[in-house]
Amino acid sequence: MDTFLFSLNATLPVFITIMIGYILKRLGFFDEKFTEAADRFTFRVTLPVLLFTDIATSNLGSSYDIEFMLFCMGVSCAAFFLIWGGAVLFLKNNREQIGAFTMASFRGSAAVLGIALVTNIYGSTGLAPLMVVSVVPFYNAFSVIILTIYAKRPEGEESKIPFGKILLQVVTNPLIIAVALALPFALLRIHIPAIPTKVLNNFAVIATPFALIILGAGFEFRSTRQKLGLTLTASFIKVLLLPLLFVPAAVWFGFRNEALVAISVMLASPSTVACYIMARNMRNDAQLVSGIVMITTLVSSVTITALVFILRSLGLI
């Protein structure tokens, strides 16, 4: 019961915040121009600062585990390419939805829920920060690649894969830059002075709630109903299929306790709000992504609780 209440407390406020953003937009508190500007601000400033502070202040050196890192990286790559292949196979007549569907199906909010859940169970972050560092670069690089390939192009523009543009988008993506800048601080234990830390924290603390409100403001129930099949399929993949496929593999490889919890939450966490921000900024189907984020956020409180309960019952965590 405690685990269920914790998961509910972690996910239900997220869903409620999204709905508040939806209601505020309908009441006229902000218009389309404001939400577009807010998207850019979130994508280029607050989310990168949040990612930087989370990684830069993590003690990665004390929890370095190469086998754990390689497993997280391998699972992330396998999930991405499996989902991408399936999306190309089944959505070949809806090319503009392939990128959004693929990204929202494999990229979860592991950085938020992973660290919180491991800390709640074991009293420390354990291997969760190492999991975040292992998968976040892949999350962002793969997201940029898939969104660039399937972005809506102006009429008359060639449809061939823009390899140069993809490389440029990857190396200049604000989230990837944030990870690259944060890693030396985390690995070398470089101390950030108090004043810069407070300034960074001022931006980091607003990143998630602000992004959730903007997600809600851009949500359209009508569009989601029209794409309900795709939305439910992607949600099933994110919170159920990926854990069913890869958590048993983690157990087979011998991961237990903090490591297994971190891997499980990495796989079962809901689609992150960053998916919506990136989809909207990179001319992909943001409406499809917003529906997936909302559904996975609501359902994950139950699925993560069930997963943790099963693993604990089996004596694995």
Protein backbone atom coordinates (compact mmCIF):
# COMPACT_ATOMS: atom_id res chain seq x y z
CA MET A 1 0.00 0.00 0.00
CA ASP A 2 2.87 2.39 0.81
CA THR A 3 4.41 1.74 -2.61
CA PHE A 4 1.09 2.41 -4.33
CA LEU A 5 0.61 5.67 -2.44
CA PHE A 6 4.15 6.76 -3.28
CA SER A 7 3.67 6.07 -7.00
CA LEU A 8 0.29 7.80 -6.92
CA ASN A 9 1.83 10.81 -5.19
CA ALA A 10 4.58 10.87 -7.83
CA THR A 11 2.33 10.70 -10.91
CA LEU A 12 -1.10 12.11 -10.04
CA PRO A 13 0.18 15.66 -9.31
CA VAL A 14 1.86 15.58 -12.72
CA PHE A 15 -1.42 14.71 -14.42
CA ILE A 16 -3.31 17.36 -12.42
CA THR A 17 -0.74 20.03 -13.35
CA ILE A 18 -1.20 19.16 -17.03
CA MET A 19 -4.97 19.53 -16.68
CA ILE A 20 -4.54 22.90 -14.94
CA GLY A 21 -2.55 24.09 -17.96
CA TYR A 22 -5.36 22.92 -20.24
CA ILE A 23 -7.99 24.76 -18.14
CA LEU A 24 -5.93 27.97 -17.95
CA LYS A 25 -5.53 28.05 -21.73
CA ARG A 26 -9.30 27.60 -22.21
CA LEU A 27 -9.97 30.40 -19.70
CA GLY A 28 -7.80 32.74 -21.77
CA PHE A 29 -4.84 33.16 -19.43
CA PHE A 30 -2.42 32.69 -22.34
CA ASP A 31 -2.69 32.48 -26.11
CA GLU A 32 -0.93 30.56 -28.87
CA LYS A 33 1.93 33.06 -29.14
CA PHE A 34 2.63 32.71 -25.44
CA THR A 35 2.65 28.89 -25.56
CA GLU A 36 5.01 28.91 -28.56
CA ALA A 37 7.41 31.26 -26.76
CA ALA A 38 7.09 29.18 -23.58
CA ASP A 39 7.92 26.02 -25.55
CA ARG A 40 11.13 27.59 -26.80
CA PHE A 41 12.04 28.86 -23.33
CA THR A 42 11.46 25.42 -21.81
CA PHE A 43 13.34 23.57 -24.54
CA ARG A 44 16.33 25.91 -24.66
CA VAL A 45 16.65 27.08 -21.05
CA THR A 46 14.79 25.43 -18.16
CA LEU A 47 14.97 21.74 -19.18
CA PRO A 48 18.71 21.92 -20.04
CA VAL A 49 19.41 23.68 -16.73
CA LEU A 50 17.44 21.01 -14.85
CA LEU A 51 19.35 18.24 -16.61
CA PHE A 52 22.68 19.94 -15.97
CA THR A 53 22.04 20.41 -12.24
CA ASP A 54 20.77 16.84 -11.77
CA ILE A 55 23.85 15.31 -13.39
CA ALA A 56 26.49 17.82 -12.26
CA THR A 57 25.56 17.36 -8.60
CA SER A 58 25.47 13.54 -8.78
CA ASN A 59 28.30 11.53 -7.24
CA LEU A 60 28.93 9.27 -10.23
CA GLY A 61 32.43 8.28 -9.21
CA SER A 62 31.29 6.46 -6.08
CA SER A 63 28.69 4.37 -7.94
CA TYR A 64 30.54 3.59 -11.17
CA ASP A 65 29.39 0.22 -12.57
CA ILE A 66 30.34 -0.46 -16.19
CA GLU A 67 28.10 -3.55 -16.55
CA PHE A 68 25.09 -1.62 -15.29
CA MET A 69 25.84 1.29 -17.64
CA LEU A 70 26.29 -0.97 -20.66
CA PHE A 71 23.01 -2.76 -19.92
CA CYS A 72 21.09 0.53 -19.68
CA MET A 73 22.67 1.76 -22.90
CA GLY A 74 22.00 -1.51 -24.71
CA VAL A 75 18.37 -1.66 -23.63
CA SER A 76 17.80 1.95 -24.68
CA CYS A 77 19.27 1.28 -28.12
CA ALA A 78 17.35 -1.98 -28.56
CA ALA A 79 14.05 -0.39 -27.53
CA PHE A 80 14.54 2.54 -29.89
CA PHE A 81 15.35 0.47 -32.97
CA LEU A 82 12.62 -2.10 -32.29
CA ILE A 83 9.97 0.60 -31.92
CA TRP A 84 11.27 2.56 -34.90
CA GLY A 85 11.18 -0.57 -37.07
CA GLY A 86 7.64 -1.36 -35.98
CA ALA A 87 6.53 2.23 -36.58
CA VAL A 88 7.96 2.24 -40.10
CA LEU A 89 6.26 -1.09 -40.82
CA PHE A 90 2.80 -0.14 -39.56
CA LEU A 91 2.76 3.64 -40.13
CA LYS A 92 4.26 3.76 -43.62
CA ASN A 93 1.16 5.60 -44.87
CA ASN A 94 1.39 8.13 -42.02
CA ARG A 95 5.02 9.18 -42.27
CA GLU A 96 4.64 12.36 -40.24
CA GLN A 97 3.59 10.37 -37.16
CA ILE A 98 6.53 7.92 -37.15
CA GLY A 99 8.95 10.23 -35.34
CA ALA A 100 6.50 11.33 -32.65
CA PHE A 101 5.24 7.79 -32.06
CA THR A 102 8.75 6.32 -31.81
CA MET A 103 10.11 8.96 -29.45
CA ALA A 104 7.14 8.95 -27.06
CA SER A 105 7.13 5.13 -26.97
CA PHE A 106 10.74 4.69 -25.86
CA ARG A 107 11.69 7.85 -23.97
CA GLY A 108 10.54 8.00 -20.35
CA SER A 109 10.93 10.37 -17.42
CA ALA A 110 13.56 8.17 -15.82
CA ALA A 111 15.53 11.12 -14.46
CA VAL A 112 12.62 12.24 -12.28
CA LEU A 113 10.93 9.01 -11.21
CA GLY A 114 14.04 6.84 -11.23
CA ILE A 115 15.96 8.86 -8.67
CA ALA A 116 12.85 9.52 -6.56
CA LEU A 117 11.75 5.88 -6.35
CA VAL A 118 15.20 4.46 -5.60
CA THR A 119 15.67 7.07 -2.88
CA ASN A 120 12.26 6.29 -1.40
CA ILE A 121 13.01 2.55 -1.16
CA TYR A 122 16.69 2.56 -0.16
CA GLY A 123 17.24 5.98 1.41
CA SER A 124 19.85 7.01 -1.19
CA THR A 125 19.99 7.55 -4.94
CA GLY A 126 22.13 4.44 -5.43
CA LEU A 127 22.73 3.73 -9.12
CA ALA A 128 19.89 5.94 -10.36
CA PRO A 129 22.14 8.90 -11.34
CA LEU A 130 24.40 6.49 -13.22
CA MET A 131 21.32 5.19 -15.07
CA VAL A 132 20.35 8.76 -15.98
CA VAL A 133 23.82 9.51 -17.36
CA SER A 134 23.80 6.23 -19.30
CA VAL A 135 20.48 6.76 -21.08
CA VAL A 136 19.86 10.51 -21.33
CA PRO A 137 22.46 11.08 -24.11
CA PHE A 138 20.86 8.24 -26.10
CA TYR A 139 17.37 9.55 -25.39
CA ASN A 140 18.24 12.96 -26.72
CA ALA A 141 20.41 11.88 -29.65
CA PHE A 142 17.83 9.34 -30.87
CA SER A 143 15.02 11.84 -30.38
CA VAL A 144 16.80 14.48 -32.44
CA ILE A 145 17.57 11.94 -35.17
CA ILE A 146 14.04 10.55 -35.45
CA LEU A 147 12.35 13.95 -35.23
CA THR A 148 14.67 15.45 -37.84
CA ILE A 149 14.12 12.60 -40.28
CA TYR A 150 10.33 12.75 -40.03
CA ALA A 151 9.84 16.48 -39.45
CA LYS A 152 7.20 18.20 -41.58
CA ARG A 153 9.01 19.83 -44.48
CA PRO A 154 7.92 22.84 -46.49
CA GLU A 155 6.22 21.94 -49.76
CA GLY A 156 8.76 21.23 -52.48
CA GLU A 157 11.62 20.41 -50.12
CA GLU A 158 13.42 17.15 -50.85
CA SER A 159 12.39 14.19 -48.68
CA LYS A 160 15.83 12.51 -48.55
CA ILE A 161 17.39 12.02 -45.12
CA PRO A 162 19.35 15.20 -44.24
CA PHE A 163 22.41 13.62 -42.62
CA GLY A 164 24.26 16.91 -42.22
CA LYS A 165 21.24 18.55 -40.63
CA ILE A 166 20.78 15.59 -38.27
CA LEU A 167 24.39 15.81 -37.10
CA LEU A 168 24.06 19.56 -36.58
CA GLN A 169 20.79 19.10 -34.65
CA VAL A 170 22.41 16.47 -32.41
CA VAL A 171 25.51 18.46 -31.49
CA THR A 172 23.55 21.70 -30.98
CA ASN A 173 20.60 20.20 -29.09
CA PRO A 174 20.35 22.08 -25.75
CA LEU A 175 19.69 18.90 -23.77
CA ILE A 176 22.71 17.11 -25.21
CA ILE A 177 24.89 20.16 -24.58
CA ALA A 178 23.65 20.19 -20.97
CA VAL A 179 24.70 16.55 -20.49
CA ALA A 180 28.12 17.17 -22.05
CA LEU A 181 28.73 20.18 -19.80
CA ALA A 182 27.53 18.38 -16.67
CA LEU A 183 29.58 15.19 -17.00
CA PRO A 184 32.97 16.72 -16.03
CA PHE A 185 31.41 18.21 -12.89
CA ALA A 186 29.91 14.84 -11.91
CA LEU A 187 32.88 12.63 -12.75
CA LEU A 188 35.58 14.94 -11.36
CA ARG A 189 33.45 16.12 -8.40
CA ILE A 190 33.93 19.78 -9.33
CA HIS A 191 32.20 21.98 -6.78
CA ILE A 192 29.88 24.68 -8.12
CA PRO A 193 29.97 27.85 -5.95
CA ALA A 194 26.90 28.82 -3.95
CA ILE A 195 25.74 31.79 -6.03
CA PRO A 196 25.76 29.99 -9.43
CA THR A 197 24.13 27.00 -7.76
CA LYS A 198 21.26 29.12 -6.47
CA VAL A 199 20.78 30.75 -9.88
CA LEU A 200 20.74 27.37 -11.61
CA ASN A 201 18.32 25.99 -9.05
CA ASN A 202 15.98 28.93 -9.62
CA PHE A 203 15.62 27.89 -13.25
CA ALA A 204 15.70 24.14 -12.59
CA VAL A 205 12.90 24.24 -10.04
CA ILE A 206 10.44 25.75 -12.54
CA ALA A 207 11.39 23.47 -15.44
CA THR A 208 9.04 20.55 -14.80
CA PRO A 209 5.89 22.38 -13.59
CA PHE A 210 6.22 25.02 -16.31
CA ALA A 211 6.68 22.38 -19.01
CA LEU A 212 3.65 20.45 -17.71
CA ILE A 213 1.46 23.55 -17.78
CA ILE A 214 2.51 24.29 -21.36
CA LEU A 215 1.85 20.66 -22.29
CA GLY A 216 -1.68 20.99 -20.95
CA ALA A 217 -2.17 24.30 -22.74
CA GLY A 218 -1.33 22.68 -26.06
CA PHE A 219 -3.47 19.60 -25.53
CA GLU A 220 -6.49 19.05 -27.77
CA PHE A 221 -8.99 16.33 -26.81
CA ARG A 222 -10.42 16.26 -30.32
CA SER A 223 -7.03 15.51 -31.89
CA THR A 224 -6.33 12.84 -29.29
CA ARG A 225 -9.66 11.11 -29.96
CA GLN A 226 -8.84 11.05 -33.67
CA LYS A 227 -5.51 9.35 -32.89
CA LEU A 228 -6.71 7.22 -30.00
CA GLY A 229 -5.48 3.94 -31.47
CA LEU A 230 -1.93 5.22 -31.93
CA THR A 231 -1.98 6.91 -28.53
CA LEU A 232 -3.05 3.75 -26.72
CA THR A 233 -0.59 1.59 -28.66
CA ALA A 234 2.35 3.84 -27.81
CA SER A 235 1.23 4.01 -24.18
CA PHE A 236 1.02 0.21 -23.99
CA ILE A 237 4.54 -0.08 -25.39
CA LYS A 238 5.96 2.49 -22.96
CA VAL A 239 4.53 1.36 -19.62
CA LEU A 240 3.89 -2.36 -20.21
CA LEU A 241 5.67 -3.92 -23.18
CA LEU A 242 9.17 -2.54 -22.53
CA PRO A 243 9.20 -3.69 -18.86
CA LEU A 244 7.82 -7.11 -19.86
CA LEU A 245 10.58 -7.53 -22.43
CA PHE A 246 13.63 -6.18 -20.60
CA VAL A 247 13.11 -6.47 -16.82
CA PRO A 248 13.34 -10.31 -17.00
CA ALA A 249 16.53 -9.83 -19.02
CA ALA A 250 17.91 -7.61 -16.24
CA VAL A 251 17.09 -10.29 -13.67
CA TRP A 252 18.77 -12.93 -15.84
CA PHE A 253 21.92 -10.76 -16.06
CA GLY A 254 22.02 -10.70 -12.25
CA PHE A 255 20.92 -7.17 -11.41
CA ARG A 256 19.26 -6.81 -8.00
CA ASN A 257 18.14 -4.18 -5.47
CA GLU A 258 18.99 -0.55 -6.39
CA ALA A 259 20.23 -1.53 -9.86
CA LEU A 260 17.09 -3.51 -10.69
CA VAL A 261 14.80 -0.75 -9.40
CA ALA A 262 16.63 1.85 -11.50
CA ILE A 263 16.39 -0.33 -14.61
CA SER A 264 12.72 -1.12 -13.97
CA VAL A 265 11.74 2.53 -13.57
CA MET A 266 13.82 3.46 -16.61
CA LEU A 267 11.70 1.06 -18.64
CA ALA A 268 8.28 1.60 -17.03
CA SER A 269 8.33 5.37 -16.46
CA PRO A 270 5.78 7.47 -18.37
CA SER A 271 6.73 9.42 -21.47
CA THR A 272 8.51 12.59 -20.45
CA VAL A 273 7.14 16.05 -21.04
CA ALA A 274 10.37 16.82 -22.92
CA CYS A 275 8.98 14.63 -25.72
CA TYR A 276 6.15 17.10 -26.27
CA ILE A 277 8.47 20.12 -26.12
CA MET A 278 10.86 18.58 -28.66
CA ALA A 279 8.08 17.40 -30.98
CA ARG A 280 6.52 20.84 -31.06
CA ASN A 281 9.83 22.64 -31.59
CA MET A 282 10.98 20.24 -34.31
CA ARG A 283 7.78 20.22 -36.43
CA ASN A 284 6.47 16.78 -35.51
CA ASP A 285 3.05 15.57 -34.31
CA ALA A 286 2.98 17.26 -30.90
CA GLN A 287 -0.70 16.47 -30.38
CA LEU A 288 -0.04 12.73 -30.62
CA VAL A 289 2.82 13.07 -28.13
CA SER A 290 0.75 15.09 -25.66
CA GLY A 291 -1.90 12.36 -25.53
CA ILE A 292 0.75 9.70 -24.94
CA VAL A 293 2.32 11.73 -22.14
CA MET A 294 -1.02 12.18 -20.41
CA ILE A 295 -2.11 8.55 -20.64
CA THR A 296 1.25 7.07 -19.63
CA THR A 297 1.47 9.50 -16.70
CA LEU A 298 -1.96 8.48 -15.44
CA VAL A 299 -1.46 4.72 -15.92
CA SER A 300 2.13 4.47 -14.69
CA SER A 301 1.14 4.93 -11.05
CA VAL A 302 -0.53 1.53 -11.27
CA THR A 303 1.97 -0.25 -13.54
CA ILE A 304 5.09 0.89 -11.66
CA THR A 305 3.47 -0.05 -8.35
CA ALA A 306 2.62 -3.50 -9.70
CA LEU A 307 6.14 -3.97 -11.04
CA VAL A 308 7.79 -2.97 -7.75
CA PHE A 309 5.36 -5.20 -5.82
CA ILE A 310 6.18 -8.22 -8.02
CA LEU A 311 9.93 -7.70 -7.75
CA ARG A 312 9.74 -7.26 -4.00
CA SER A 313 7.53 -10.35 -3.63
CA LEU A 314 10.13 -12.37 -5.52
CA GLY A 315 12.89 -11.09 -3.24
CA LEU A 316 14.71 -9.34 -6.07
CA ILE A 317 14.68 -5.86 -4.52
